[in-house]
Amino acid sequence: MYNILESRIEFKNNQLFRITVLVEMSIGDVRAIYADTNLKAGYLVLKPNQEISKELLQQVAGYGSERRDKDDMFPGWHSKLTELRAIGG
C-alpha cells in the first residue's frame, strides 16, 4: 500500500478528468503521480464516470505517470510532511 499524503481531483464538464496524488514511495522519496482520461500507453487511464475511492487513489499511485511539478501542484508539501512525522503520522 502506498503512503498517499495528499490528492488533487479535477473535473471537466462535471466528469472526472484527472487525479494527482502526492506519494511517499519510501522515506524521503516523495513524488506527484497522476492519471487522467487521456489514453497514455502503459499508464492508468481514468473513466469520466469512475467512482472515486481509496482503491482508485492507490491505483493512481501505482500505475500513474510522474509529474515533475510537485512543488507547484502541492505547495508546502515538505512542511506538511515534516509536521506529519513530528506527530507520528
N, C-alpha and C. Protein backbone atom coordinates (compact mmCIF):
# COMPACT_ATOMS: atom_id res chain seq x y z
N MET A 1 0.84 -1.17 0.00
CA MET A 1 0.00 0.00 0.00
C MET A 1 0.89 1.24 0.00
N TYR A 2 0.55 2.19 -0.85
CA TYR A 2 1.31 3.43 -0.98
C TYR A 2 0.92 4.42 0.11
N ASN A 3 1.88 5.22 0.57
CA ASN A 3 1.64 6.24 1.57
C ASN A 3 1.25 7.54 0.86
N ILE A 4 -0.05 7.71 0.64
CA ILE A 4 -0.56 8.89 -0.05
C ILE A 4 -0.70 10.02 0.96
N LEU A 5 -0.03 11.12 0.69
CA LEU A 5 -0.02 12.26 1.60
C LEU A 5 -1.12 13.27 1.29
N GLU A 6 -1.43 13.40 0.01
CA GLU A 6 -2.41 14.39 -0.42
C GLU A 6 -2.89 14.02 -1.81
N SER A 7 -4.08 14.49 -2.18
CA SER A 7 -4.56 14.23 -3.54
C SER A 7 -5.26 15.48 -4.08
N ARG A 8 -5.29 15.54 -5.39
CA ARG A 8 -5.98 16.63 -6.10
C ARG A 8 -6.84 15.97 -7.17
N ILE A 9 -8.13 16.22 -7.13
CA ILE A 9 -9.07 15.59 -8.06
C ILE A 9 -9.68 16.69 -8.91
N GLU A 10 -9.57 16.54 -10.24
CA GLU A 10 -10.05 17.56 -11.16
C GLU A 10 -11.19 17.02 -12.02
N PHE A 11 -12.15 17.91 -12.29
CA PHE A 11 -13.30 17.55 -13.11
C PHE A 11 -13.37 18.47 -14.33
N LYS A 12 -13.94 17.96 -15.39
CA LYS A 12 -14.15 18.73 -16.61
C LYS A 12 -15.58 18.42 -17.06
N ASN A 13 -16.40 19.45 -17.19
CA ASN A 13 -17.82 19.27 -17.55
C ASN A 13 -18.52 18.31 -16.59
N ASN A 14 -18.26 18.47 -15.30
CA ASN A 14 -18.86 17.65 -14.25
C ASN A 14 -18.48 16.17 -14.29
N GLN A 15 -17.41 15.85 -14.99
CA GLN A 15 -16.94 14.47 -15.05
C GLN A 15 -15.48 14.41 -14.63
N LEU A 16 -15.11 13.29 -14.05
CA LEU A 16 -13.74 13.09 -13.62
C LEU A 16 -12.79 13.28 -14.79
N PHE A 17 -11.75 14.06 -14.57
CA PHE A 17 -10.77 14.32 -15.63
C PHE A 17 -9.36 13.86 -15.23
N ARG A 18 -8.92 14.25 -14.01
CA ARG A 18 -7.56 13.91 -13.60
C ARG A 18 -7.49 13.76 -12.09
N ILE A 19 -6.68 12.81 -11.66
CA ILE A 19 -6.35 12.66 -10.24
C ILE A 19 -4.84 12.70 -10.12
N THR A 20 -4.36 13.54 -9.22
CA THR A 20 -2.94 13.61 -8.92
C THR A 20 -2.77 13.32 -7.43
N VAL A 21 -1.85 12.43 -7.11
CA VAL A 21 -1.59 12.09 -5.71
C VAL A 21 -0.14 12.42 -5.37
N LEU A 22 0.07 12.88 -4.17
CA LEU A 22 1.41 13.10 -3.64
C LEU A 22 1.72 11.87 -2.79
N VAL A 23 2.75 11.14 -3.17
CA VAL A 23 3.01 9.84 -2.58
C VAL A 23 4.44 9.77 -2.04
N GLU A 24 4.57 9.26 -0.83
CA GLU A 24 5.90 8.98 -0.30
C GLU A 24 6.18 7.51 -0.63
N MET A 25 6.98 7.30 -1.66
CA MET A 25 7.29 5.94 -2.13
C MET A 25 8.14 5.19 -1.11
N SER A 26 9.10 5.90 -0.55
CA SER A 26 9.93 5.42 0.55
C SER A 26 10.37 6.67 1.30
N ILE A 27 10.96 6.51 2.46
CA ILE A 27 11.32 7.67 3.26
C ILE A 27 12.22 8.61 2.45
N GLY A 28 11.73 9.84 2.28
CA GLY A 28 12.49 10.85 1.54
C GLY A 28 12.23 10.87 0.04
N ASP A 29 11.53 9.87 -0.49
CA ASP A 29 11.23 9.79 -1.92
C ASP A 29 9.76 10.13 -2.14
N VAL A 30 9.48 11.42 -2.31
CA VAL A 30 8.10 11.89 -2.48
C VAL A 30 7.90 12.29 -3.93
N ARG A 31 6.81 11.78 -4.51
CA ARG A 31 6.53 12.04 -5.93
C ARG A 31 5.08 12.44 -6.14
N ALA A 32 4.84 13.20 -7.20
CA ALA A 32 3.48 13.53 -7.64
C ALA A 32 3.19 12.61 -8.83
N ILE A 33 2.15 11.81 -8.69
CA ILE A 33 1.77 10.84 -9.72
C ILE A 33 0.35 11.15 -10.16
N TYR A 34 0.09 11.09 -11.48
CA TYR A 34 -1.26 11.41 -11.96
C TYR A 34 -1.76 10.38 -12.96
N ALA A 35 -3.07 10.38 -13.10
CA ALA A 35 -3.75 9.63 -14.16
C ALA A 35 -4.89 10.52 -14.63
N ASP A 36 -5.21 10.43 -15.91
CA ASP A 36 -6.33 11.20 -16.43
C ASP A 36 -7.10 10.37 -17.44
N THR A 37 -8.02 11.02 -18.14
CA THR A 37 -8.89 10.30 -19.07
C THR A 37 -8.29 10.17 -20.47
N ASN A 38 -7.09 10.70 -20.66
CA ASN A 38 -6.42 10.60 -21.96
C ASN A 38 -5.61 9.31 -22.02
N LEU A 39 -5.73 8.60 -23.13
CA LEU A 39 -5.01 7.35 -23.31
C LEU A 39 -3.50 7.61 -23.36
N LYS A 40 -2.77 6.90 -22.51
CA LYS A 40 -1.31 7.00 -22.45
C LYS A 40 -0.80 5.58 -22.24
N ALA A 41 -0.22 5.02 -23.28
CA ALA A 41 0.19 3.61 -23.25
C ALA A 41 1.06 3.29 -22.04
N GLY A 42 0.69 2.25 -21.33
CA GLY A 42 1.46 1.78 -20.19
C GLY A 42 1.09 2.41 -18.87
N TYR A 43 0.12 3.33 -18.88
CA TYR A 43 -0.28 4.02 -17.65
C TYR A 43 -1.78 3.89 -17.43
N LEU A 44 -2.18 4.08 -16.19
CA LEU A 44 -3.60 4.02 -15.82
C LEU A 44 -4.38 5.11 -16.56
N VAL A 45 -5.53 4.74 -17.10
CA VAL A 45 -6.44 5.68 -17.76
C VAL A 45 -7.74 5.69 -16.96
N LEU A 46 -8.21 6.87 -16.60
CA LEU A 46 -9.45 7.00 -15.85
C LEU A 46 -10.65 7.05 -16.77
N LYS A 47 -11.79 6.62 -16.25
CA LYS A 47 -13.06 6.74 -16.96
C LYS A 47 -13.78 7.96 -16.39
N PRO A 48 -14.41 8.78 -17.24
CA PRO A 48 -15.05 10.01 -16.76
C PRO A 48 -16.10 9.78 -15.67
N ASN A 49 -16.74 8.63 -15.67
CA ASN A 49 -17.78 8.36 -14.67
C ASN A 49 -17.30 7.43 -13.56
N GLN A 50 -16.00 7.26 -13.44
CA GLN A 50 -15.41 6.35 -12.46
C GLN A 50 -15.65 6.86 -11.04
N GLU A 51 -15.96 5.94 -10.13
CA GLU A 51 -16.18 6.29 -8.73
C GLU A 51 -14.84 6.49 -8.03
N ILE A 52 -14.76 7.56 -7.27
CA ILE A 52 -13.53 7.87 -6.55
C ILE A 52 -13.52 7.09 -5.24
N SER A 53 -12.41 6.43 -4.98
CA SER A 53 -12.29 5.61 -3.77
C SER A 53 -10.83 5.55 -3.34
N LYS A 54 -10.60 5.03 -2.15
CA LYS A 54 -9.22 4.84 -1.67
C LYS A 54 -8.47 3.91 -2.61
N GLU A 55 -9.15 2.89 -3.10
CA GLU A 55 -8.53 1.94 -4.01
C GLU A 55 -8.10 2.62 -5.31
N LEU A 56 -8.93 3.52 -5.82
CA LEU A 56 -8.58 4.24 -7.04
C LEU A 56 -7.35 5.11 -6.81
N LEU A 57 -7.27 5.78 -5.66
CA LEU A 57 -6.09 6.60 -5.36
C LEU A 57 -4.84 5.73 -5.30
N GLN A 58 -4.96 4.53 -4.74
CA GLN A 58 -3.83 3.60 -4.70
C GLN A 58 -3.42 3.18 -6.11
N GLN A 59 -4.40 2.96 -6.99
CA GLN A 59 -4.11 2.60 -8.39
C GLN A 59 -3.38 3.73 -9.10
N VAL A 60 -3.81 4.96 -8.86
CA VAL A 60 -3.14 6.11 -9.46
C VAL A 60 -1.68 6.14 -9.00
N ALA A 61 -1.46 5.94 -7.70
CA ALA A 61 -0.10 5.95 -7.15
C ALA A 61 0.76 4.86 -7.78
N GLY A 62 0.18 3.71 -8.04
CA GLY A 62 0.95 2.58 -8.56
C GLY A 62 1.10 2.55 -10.07
N TYR A 63 0.12 3.06 -10.80
CA TYR A 63 0.11 2.89 -12.25
C TYR A 63 0.01 4.20 -13.03
N GLY A 64 0.10 5.33 -12.32
CA GLY A 64 0.02 6.62 -13.00
C GLY A 64 1.39 7.06 -13.51
N SER A 65 1.40 8.26 -14.04
CA SER A 65 2.61 8.84 -14.62
C SER A 65 3.12 9.95 -13.69
N GLU A 66 4.43 10.04 -13.55
CA GLU A 66 5.01 11.02 -12.63
C GLU A 66 4.98 12.43 -13.21
N ARG A 67 4.66 13.39 -12.35
CA ARG A 67 4.74 14.82 -12.70
C ARG A 67 6.01 15.38 -12.09
N ARG A 68 6.61 16.33 -12.74
CA ARG A 68 7.83 16.96 -12.24
C ARG A 68 7.55 18.25 -11.48
N ASP A 69 6.28 18.66 -11.42
CA ASP A 69 5.94 19.94 -10.81
C ASP A 69 5.24 19.78 -9.46
N LYS A 70 5.71 18.84 -8.64
CA LYS A 70 5.03 18.57 -7.37
C LYS A 70 5.00 19.79 -6.46
N ASP A 71 6.01 20.65 -6.53
CA ASP A 71 6.02 21.85 -5.69
C ASP A 71 4.92 22.83 -6.10
N ASP A 72 4.59 22.87 -7.38
CA ASP A 72 3.50 23.73 -7.85
C ASP A 72 2.14 23.09 -7.57
N MET A 73 2.05 21.79 -7.75
CA MET A 73 0.78 21.06 -7.54
C MET A 73 0.40 21.01 -6.06
N PHE A 74 1.39 20.84 -5.21
CA PHE A 74 1.15 20.68 -3.78
C PHE A 74 2.06 21.63 -2.99
N PRO A 75 1.76 22.93 -3.03
CA PRO A 75 2.61 23.90 -2.34
C PRO A 75 2.67 23.59 -0.84
N GLY A 76 3.85 23.70 -0.29
CA GLY A 76 4.03 23.48 1.14
C GLY A 76 4.07 22.03 1.55
N TRP A 77 4.18 21.12 0.59
CA TRP A 77 4.12 19.69 0.92
C TRP A 77 5.24 19.28 1.87
N HIS A 78 6.41 19.86 1.72
CA HIS A 78 7.55 19.44 2.54
C HIS A 78 7.30 19.75 4.03
N SER A 79 6.77 20.92 4.32
CA SER A 79 6.50 21.27 5.72
C SER A 79 5.35 20.43 6.28
N LYS A 80 4.35 20.10 5.44
CA LYS A 80 3.28 19.22 5.89
C LYS A 80 3.80 17.83 6.24
N LEU A 81 4.72 17.33 5.42
CA LEU A 81 5.31 16.02 5.68
C LEU A 81 6.11 16.04 6.98
N THR A 82 6.87 17.10 7.19
CA THR A 82 7.65 17.24 8.43
C THR A 82 6.71 17.28 9.63
N GLU A 83 5.60 17.98 9.49
CA GLU A 83 4.61 18.06 10.58
C GLU A 83 3.99 16.69 10.86
N LEU A 84 3.64 15.95 9.81
CA LEU A 84 3.09 14.60 9.98
C LEU A 84 4.05 13.69 10.72
N ARG A 85 5.31 13.76 10.36
CA ARG A 85 6.31 12.93 11.01
C ARG A 85 6.47 13.29 12.49
N ALA A 86 6.35 14.58 12.78
CA ALA A 86 6.51 15.05 14.16
C ALA A 86 5.39 14.54 15.08
N ILE A 87 4.19 14.36 14.50
CA ILE A 87 3.07 13.86 15.30
C ILE A 87 2.87 12.36 15.15
N GLY A 88 3.79 11.72 14.43
CA GLY A 88 3.74 10.27 14.30
C GLY A 88 2.84 9.75 13.20
N GLY A 89 2.53 10.60 12.19
CA GLY A 89 1.63 10.21 11.10
C GLY A 89 2.31 9.49 10.00
